[in-house]
Amino acid sequence: MSGEQFDDIVSQLESISETLGERTFDLLREAVASKSGHRPAEEKTITQARRAIDKAIHLLSGLAATND
């Protein structure tokens, strides 16, 4: 796989990470607005998924750089 192909995957993953970050922010904002006083369980799961995607971005970015 060429570095350019990894760059494309990294770009897609970055977009997904950003979307998950926005969803997390929305969930937290909704929790504050409802004065629930609790962190939404869904937010924790989304944050874990986002961290995994960010790790994949880091790993694949290294491959993209070595294959250029």
PDB file of N, CA and C in Angstrom:
ATOM      1  N   MET A   1       0.862  -1.179   0.000  1.00  0.00           N
ATOM      2  CA  MET A   1       0.000   0.000   0.000  1.00  0.00           C
ATOM      3  C   MET A   1       0.900   1.231   0.000  1.00  0.00           C
ATOM      4  N   SER A   2       0.568   2.191  -0.816  1.00  0.00           N
ATOM      5  CA  SER A   2       1.401   3.384  -0.912  1.00  0.00           C
ATOM      6  C   SER A   2       1.055   4.368   0.198  1.00  0.00           C
ATOM      7  N   GLY A   3       1.970   5.297   0.436  1.00  0.00           N
ATOM      8  CA  GLY A   3       1.752   6.336   1.437  1.00  0.00           C
ATOM      9  C   GLY A   3       0.513   7.153   1.154  1.00  0.00           C
ATOM     10  N   GLU A   4       0.243   7.367  -0.130  1.00  0.00           N
ATOM     11  CA  GLU A   4      -0.939   8.153  -0.506  1.00  0.00           C
ATOM     12  C   GLU A   4      -2.228   7.446  -0.091  1.00  0.00           C
ATOM     13  N   GLN A   5      -2.257   6.130  -0.222  1.00  0.00           N
ATOM     14  CA  GLN A   5      -3.441   5.374   0.197  1.00  0.00           C
ATOM     15  C   GLN A   5      -3.638   5.477   1.710  1.00  0.00           C
ATOM     16  N   PHE A   6      -2.542   5.426   2.473  1.00  0.00           N
ATOM     17  CA  PHE A   6      -2.638   5.600   3.917  1.00  0.00           C
ATOM     18  C   PHE A   6      -3.115   7.007   4.249  1.00  0.00           C
ATOM     19  N   ASP A   7      -2.650   7.983   3.504  1.00  0.00           N
ATOM     20  CA  ASP A   7      -3.087   9.369   3.721  1.00  0.00           C
ATOM     21  C   ASP A   7      -4.603   9.491   3.563  1.00  0.00           C
ATOM     22  N   ASP A   8      -5.158   8.794   2.576  1.00  0.00           N
ATOM     23  CA  ASP A   8      -6.606   8.828   2.355  1.00  0.00           C
ATOM     24  C   ASP A   8      -7.352   8.225   3.551  1.00  0.00           C
ATOM     25  N   ILE A   9      -6.852   7.103   4.047  1.00  0.00           N
ATOM     26  CA  ILE A   9      -7.479   6.455   5.199  1.00  0.00           C
ATOM     27  C   ILE A   9      -7.377   7.350   6.426  1.00  0.00           C
ATOM     28  N   VAL A  10      -6.209   7.940   6.638  1.00  0.00           N
ATOM     29  CA  VAL A  10      -6.006   8.836   7.772  1.00  0.00           C
ATOM     30  C   VAL A  10      -6.984  10.007   7.688  1.00  0.00           C
ATOM     31  N   SER A  11      -7.155  10.546   6.522  1.00  0.00           N
ATOM     32  CA  SER A  11      -8.082  11.661   6.332  1.00  0.00           C
ATOM     33  C   SER A  11      -9.514  11.264   6.692  1.00  0.00           C
ATOM     34  N   GLN A  12      -9.922  10.083   6.262  1.00  0.00           N
ATOM     35  CA  GLN A  12     -11.263   9.599   6.601  1.00  0.00           C
ATOM     36  C   GLN A  12     -11.418   9.397   8.100  1.00  0.00           C
ATOM     37  N   LEU A  13     -10.403   8.827   8.725  1.00  0.00           N
ATOM     38  CA  LEU A  13     -10.448   8.601  10.174  1.00  0.00           C
ATOM     39  C   LEU A  13     -10.486   9.924  10.936  1.00  0.00           C
ATOM     40  N   GLU A  14      -9.752  10.920  10.452  1.00  0.00           N
ATOM     41  CA  GLU A  14      -9.781  12.236  11.097  1.00  0.00           C
ATOM     42  C   GLU A  14     -11.176  12.841  11.044  1.00  0.00           C
ATOM     43  N   SER A  15     -11.853  12.651   9.933  1.00  0.00           N
ATOM     44  CA  SER A  15     -13.217  13.146   9.792  1.00  0.00           C
ATOM     45  C   SER A  15     -14.154  12.437  10.774  1.00  0.00           C
ATOM     46  N   ILE A  16     -13.997  11.138  10.897  1.00  0.00           N
ATOM     47  CA  ILE A  16     -14.817  10.369  11.834  1.00  0.00           C
ATOM     48  C   ILE A  16     -14.537  10.811  13.272  1.00  0.00           C
ATOM     49  N   SER A  17     -13.278  11.003  13.601  1.00  0.00           N
ATOM     50  CA  SER A  17     -12.909  11.458  14.940  1.00  0.00           C
ATOM     51  C   SER A  17     -13.542  12.806  15.259  1.00  0.00           C
ATOM     52  N   GLU A  18     -13.512  13.699  14.295  1.00  0.00           N
ATOM     53  CA  GLU A  18     -14.114  15.019  14.485  1.00  0.00           C
ATOM     54  C   GLU A  18     -15.625  14.909  14.700  1.00  0.00           C
ATOM     55  N   THR A  19     -16.275  14.057  13.925  1.00  0.00           N
ATOM     56  CA  THR A  19     -17.715  13.854  14.074  1.00  0.00           C
ATOM     57  C   THR A  19     -18.046  13.289  15.454  1.00  0.00           C
ATOM     58  N   LEU A  20     -17.252  12.340  15.911  1.00  0.00           N
ATOM     59  CA  LEU A  20     -17.472  11.780  17.244  1.00  0.00           C
ATOM     60  C   LEU A  20     -17.249  12.828  18.330  1.00  0.00           C
ATOM     61  N   GLY A  21     -16.250  13.678  18.137  1.00  0.00           N
ATOM     62  CA  GLY A  21     -16.003  14.758  19.088  1.00  0.00           C
ATOM     63  C   GLY A  21     -17.182  15.713  19.174  1.00  0.00           C
ATOM     64  N   GLU A  22     -17.750  16.029  18.033  1.00  0.00           N
ATOM     65  CA  GLU A  22     -18.927  16.909  18.007  1.00  0.00           C
ATOM     66  C   GLU A  22     -20.107  16.251  18.712  1.00  0.00           C
ATOM     67  N   ARG A  23     -20.295  14.960  18.488  1.00  0.00           N
ATOM     68  CA  ARG A  23     -21.397  14.241  19.145  1.00  0.00           C
ATOM     69  C   ARG A  23     -21.187  14.209  20.662  1.00  0.00           C
ATOM     70  N   THR A  24     -19.956  14.001  21.088  1.00  0.00           N
ATOM     71  CA  THR A  24     -19.643  14.012  22.512  1.00  0.00           C
ATOM     72  C   THR A  24     -19.981  15.362  23.120  1.00  0.00           C
ATOM     73  N   PHE A  25     -19.574  16.416  22.448  1.00  0.00           N
ATOM     74  CA  PHE A  25     -19.858  17.769  22.925  1.00  0.00           C
ATOM     75  C   PHE A  25     -21.366  17.994  23.034  1.00  0.00           C
ATOM     76  N   ASP A  26     -22.109  17.544  22.028  1.00  0.00           N
ATOM     77  CA  ASP A  26     -23.567  17.683  22.045  1.00  0.00           C
ATOM     78  C   ASP A  26     -24.179  16.959  23.245  1.00  0.00           C
ATOM     79  N   LEU A  27     -23.712  15.732  23.499  1.00  0.00           N
ATOM     80  CA  LEU A  27     -24.238  14.965  24.625  1.00  0.00           C
ATOM     81  C   LEU A  27     -23.968  15.660  25.958  1.00  0.00           C
ATOM     82  N   LEU A  28     -22.755  16.177  26.102  1.00  0.00           N
ATOM     83  CA  LEU A  28     -22.410  16.867  27.343  1.00  0.00           C
ATOM     84  C   LEU A  28     -23.219  18.153  27.501  1.00  0.00           C
ATOM     85  N   ARG A  29     -23.389  18.875  26.408  1.00  0.00           N
ATOM     86  CA  ARG A  29     -24.178  20.097  26.456  1.00  0.00           C
ATOM     87  C   ARG A  29     -25.624  19.791  26.838  1.00  0.00           C
ATOM     88  N   GLU A  30     -26.180  18.720  26.265  1.00  0.00           N
ATOM     89  CA  GLU A  30     -27.546  18.318  26.601  1.00  0.00           C
ATOM     90  C   GLU A  30     -27.661  17.922  28.075  1.00  0.00           C
ATOM     91  N   ALA A  31     -26.652  17.234  28.597  1.00  0.00           N
ATOM     92  CA  ALA A  31     -26.671  16.823  30.011  1.00  0.00           C
ATOM     93  C   ALA A  31     -26.636  18.039  30.926  1.00  0.00           C
ATOM     94  N   VAL A  32     -25.824  19.017  30.569  1.00  0.00           N
ATOM     95  CA  VAL A  32     -25.749  20.239  31.373  1.00  0.00           C
ATOM     96  C   VAL A  32     -27.079  20.990  31.304  1.00  0.00           C
ATOM     97  N   ALA A  33     -27.643  21.083  30.117  1.00  0.00           N
ATOM     98  CA  ALA A  33     -28.911  21.803  29.941  1.00  0.00           C
ATOM     99  C   ALA A  33     -30.043  21.143  30.713  1.00  0.00           C
ATOM    100  N   SER A  34     -30.021  19.814  30.789  1.00  0.00           N
ATOM    101  CA  SER A  34     -31.080  19.106  31.506  1.00  0.00           C
ATOM    102  C   SER A  34     -30.816  19.051  33.008  1.00  0.00           C
ATOM    103  N   LYS A  35     -29.633  19.516  33.396  1.00  0.00           N
ATOM    104  CA  LYS A  35     -29.230  19.537  34.814  1.00  0.00           C
ATOM    105  C   LYS A  35     -29.323  18.157  35.441  1.00  0.00           C
ATOM    106  N   SER A  36     -28.966  17.144  34.648  1.00  0.00           N
ATOM    107  CA  SER A  36     -29.038  15.767  35.138  1.00  0.00           C
ATOM    108  C   SER A  36     -27.979  15.486  36.201  1.00  0.00           C
ATOM    109  N   GLY A  37     -26.858  16.182  36.102  1.00  0.00           N
ATOM    110  CA  GLY A  37     -25.786  15.973  37.064  1.00  0.00           C
ATOM    111  C   GLY A  37     -24.990  14.708  36.815  1.00  0.00           C
ATOM    112  N   HIS A  38     -25.271  14.044  35.711  1.00  0.00           N
ATOM    113  CA  HIS A  38     -24.569  12.804  35.392  1.00  0.00           C
ATOM    114  C   HIS A  38     -23.938  12.887  34.012  1.00  0.00           C
ATOM    115  N   ARG A  39     -22.798  12.216  33.910  1.00  0.00           N
ATOM    116  CA  ARG A  39     -22.141  12.082  32.609  1.00  0.00           C
ATOM    117  C   ARG A  39     -22.898  11.003  31.833  1.00  0.00           C
ATOM    118  N   PRO A  40     -23.360  11.314  30.639  1.00  0.00           N
ATOM    119  CA  PRO A  40     -24.098  10.302  29.859  1.00  0.00           C
ATOM    120  C   PRO A  40     -23.219   9.087  29.551  1.00  0.00           C
ATOM    121  N   ALA A  41     -23.769   7.898  29.752  1.00  0.00           N
ATOM    122  CA  ALA A  41     -23.026   6.661  29.487  1.00  0.00           C
ATOM    123  C   ALA A  41     -22.593   6.597  28.026  1.00  0.00           C
ATOM    124  N   GLU A  42     -23.440   7.068  27.130  1.00  0.00           N
ATOM    125  CA  GLU A  42     -23.136   7.066  25.699  1.00  0.00           C
ATOM    126  C   GLU A  42     -21.888   7.900  25.414  1.00  0.00           C
ATOM    127  N   GLU A  43     -21.713   8.990  26.158  1.00  0.00           N
ATOM    128  CA  GLU A  43     -20.550   9.863  25.953  1.00  0.00           C
ATOM    129  C   GLU A  43     -19.259   9.122  26.247  1.00  0.00           C
ATOM    130  N   LYS A  44     -19.259   8.321  27.302  1.00  0.00           N
ATOM    131  CA  LYS A  44     -18.053   7.559  27.656  1.00  0.00           C
ATOM    132  C   LYS A  44     -17.678   6.581  26.538  1.00  0.00           C
ATOM    133  N   THR A  45     -18.667   5.898  26.005  1.00  0.00           N
ATOM    134  CA  THR A  45     -18.422   4.931  24.931  1.00  0.00           C
ATOM    135  C   THR A  45     -17.898   5.626  23.674  1.00  0.00           C
ATOM    136  N   ILE A  46     -18.514   6.752  23.329  1.00  0.00           N
ATOM    137  CA  ILE A  46     -18.071   7.498  22.145  1.00  0.00           C
ATOM    138  C   ILE A  46     -16.642   8.005  22.346  1.00  0.00           C
ATOM    139  N   THR A  47     -16.325   8.463  23.542  1.00  0.00           N
ATOM    140  CA  THR A  47     -14.971   8.944  23.828  1.00  0.00           C
ATOM    141  C   THR A  47     -13.954   7.817  23.682  1.00  0.00           C
ATOM    142  N   GLN A  48     -14.302   6.621  24.151  1.00  0.00           N
ATOM    143  CA  GLN A  48     -13.394   5.470  24.003  1.00  0.00           C
ATOM    144  C   GLN A  48     -13.179   5.142  22.525  1.00  0.00           C
ATOM    145  N   ALA A  49     -14.245   5.178  21.752  1.00  0.00           N
ATOM    146  CA  ALA A  49     -14.136   4.902  20.314  1.00  0.00           C
ATOM    147  C   ALA A  49     -13.271   5.958  19.642  1.00  0.00           C
ATOM    148  N   ARG A  50     -13.461   7.206  20.021  1.00  0.00           N
ATOM    149  CA  ARG A  50     -12.673   8.285  19.428  1.00  0.00           C
ATOM    150  C   ARG A  50     -11.188   8.118  19.746  1.00  0.00           C
ATOM    151  N   ARG A  51     -10.883   7.736  20.966  1.00  0.00           N
ATOM    152  CA  ARG A  51      -9.475   7.502  21.330  1.00  0.00           C
ATOM    153  C   ARG A  51      -8.864   6.381  20.493  1.00  0.00           C
ATOM    154  N   ALA A  52      -9.642   5.323  20.252  1.00  0.00           N
ATOM    155  CA  ALA A  52      -9.151   4.215  19.428  1.00  0.00           C
ATOM    156  C   ALA A  52      -8.889   4.690  17.999  1.00  0.00           C
ATOM    157  N   ILE A  53      -9.776   5.511  17.472  1.00  0.00           N
ATOM    158  CA  ILE A  53      -9.592   6.047  16.126  1.00  0.00           C
ATOM    159  C   ILE A  53      -8.381   6.968  16.088  1.00  0.00           C
ATOM    160  N   ASP A  54      -8.210   7.792  17.112  1.00  0.00           N
ATOM    161  CA  ASP A  54      -7.046   8.680  17.166  1.00  0.00           C
ATOM    162  C   ASP A  54      -5.741   7.878  17.231  1.00  0.00           C
ATOM    163  N   LYS A  55      -5.765   6.738  17.917  1.00  0.00           N
ATOM    164  CA  LYS A  55      -4.584   5.870  17.964  1.00  0.00           C
ATOM    165  C   LYS A  55      -4.302   5.298  16.565  1.00  0.00           C
ATOM    166  N   ALA A  56      -5.364   4.885  15.874  1.00  0.00           N
ATOM    167  CA  ALA A  56      -5.199   4.367  14.510  1.00  0.00           C
ATOM    168  C   ALA A  56      -4.630   5.443  13.595  1.00  0.00           C
ATOM    169  N   ILE A  57      -5.092   6.670  13.764  1.00  0.00           N
ATOM    170  CA  ILE A  57      -4.575   7.785  12.967  1.00  0.00           C
ATOM    171  C   ILE A  57      -3.078   7.928  13.193  1.00  0.00           C
ATOM    172  N   HIS A  58      -2.677   7.879  14.448  1.00  0.00           N
ATOM    173  CA  HIS A  58      -1.258   8.019  14.791  1.00  0.00           C
ATOM    174  C   HIS A  58      -0.429   6.895  14.153  1.00  0.00           C
ATOM    175  N   LEU A  59      -0.915   5.662  14.276  1.00  0.00           N
ATOM    176  CA  LEU A  59      -0.180   4.527  13.726  1.00  0.00           C
ATOM    177  C   LEU A  59      -0.098   4.584  12.206  1.00  0.00           C
ATOM    178  N   LEU A  60      -1.207   4.880  11.555  1.00  0.00           N
ATOM    179  CA  LEU A  60      -1.225   4.917  10.091  1.00  0.00           C
ATOM    180  C   LEU A  60      -0.466   6.112   9.537  1.00  0.00           C
ATOM    181  N   SER A  61      -0.434   7.204  10.272  1.00  0.00           N
ATOM    182  CA  SER A  61       0.352   8.368   9.842  1.00  0.00           C
ATOM    183  C   SER A  61       1.823   7.999   9.759  1.00  0.00           C
ATOM    184  N   GLY A  62       2.268   7.183  10.691  1.00  0.00           N
ATOM    185  CA  GLY A  62       3.657   6.716  10.658  1.00  0.00           C
ATOM    186  C   GLY A  62       3.933   5.863   9.433  1.00  0.00           C
ATOM    187  N   LEU A  63       2.981   5.017   9.068  1.00  0.00           N
ATOM    188  CA  LEU A  63       3.140   4.195   7.866  1.00  0.00           C
ATOM    189  C   LEU A  63       3.139   5.048   6.605  1.00  0.00           C
ATOM    190  N   ALA A  64       2.279   6.035   6.580  1.00  0.00           N
ATOM    191  CA  ALA A  64       2.201   6.916   5.417  1.00  0.00           C
ATOM    192  C   ALA A  64       3.527   7.628   5.213  1.00  0.00           C
ATOM    193  N   ALA A  65       4.153   8.045   6.295  1.00  0.00           N
ATOM    194  CA  ALA A  65       5.423   8.760   6.199  1.00  0.00           C
ATOM    195  C   ALA A  65       6.550   7.853   5.732  1.00  0.00           C
ATOM    196  N   THR A  66       6.528   6.579   6.135  1.00  0.00           N
ATOM    197  CA  THR A  66       7.611   5.664   5.756  1.00  0.00           C
ATOM    198  C   THR A  66       7.430   5.128   4.339  1.00  0.00           C
ATOM    199  N   ASN A  67       6.219   5.204   3.805  1.00  0.00           N
ATOM    200  CA  ASN A  67       5.962   4.676   2.462  1.00  0.00           C
ATOM    201  C   ASN A  67       5.966   5.745   1.379  1.00  0.00           C
ATOM    202  N   ASP A  68       6.273   6.978   1.735  1.00  0.00           N
ATOM    203  CA  ASP A  68       6.328   8.053   0.718  1.00  0.00           C
ATOM    204  C   ASP A  68       7.613   8.000  -0.057  1.00  0.00           C
TER     205      ASP A  68
END
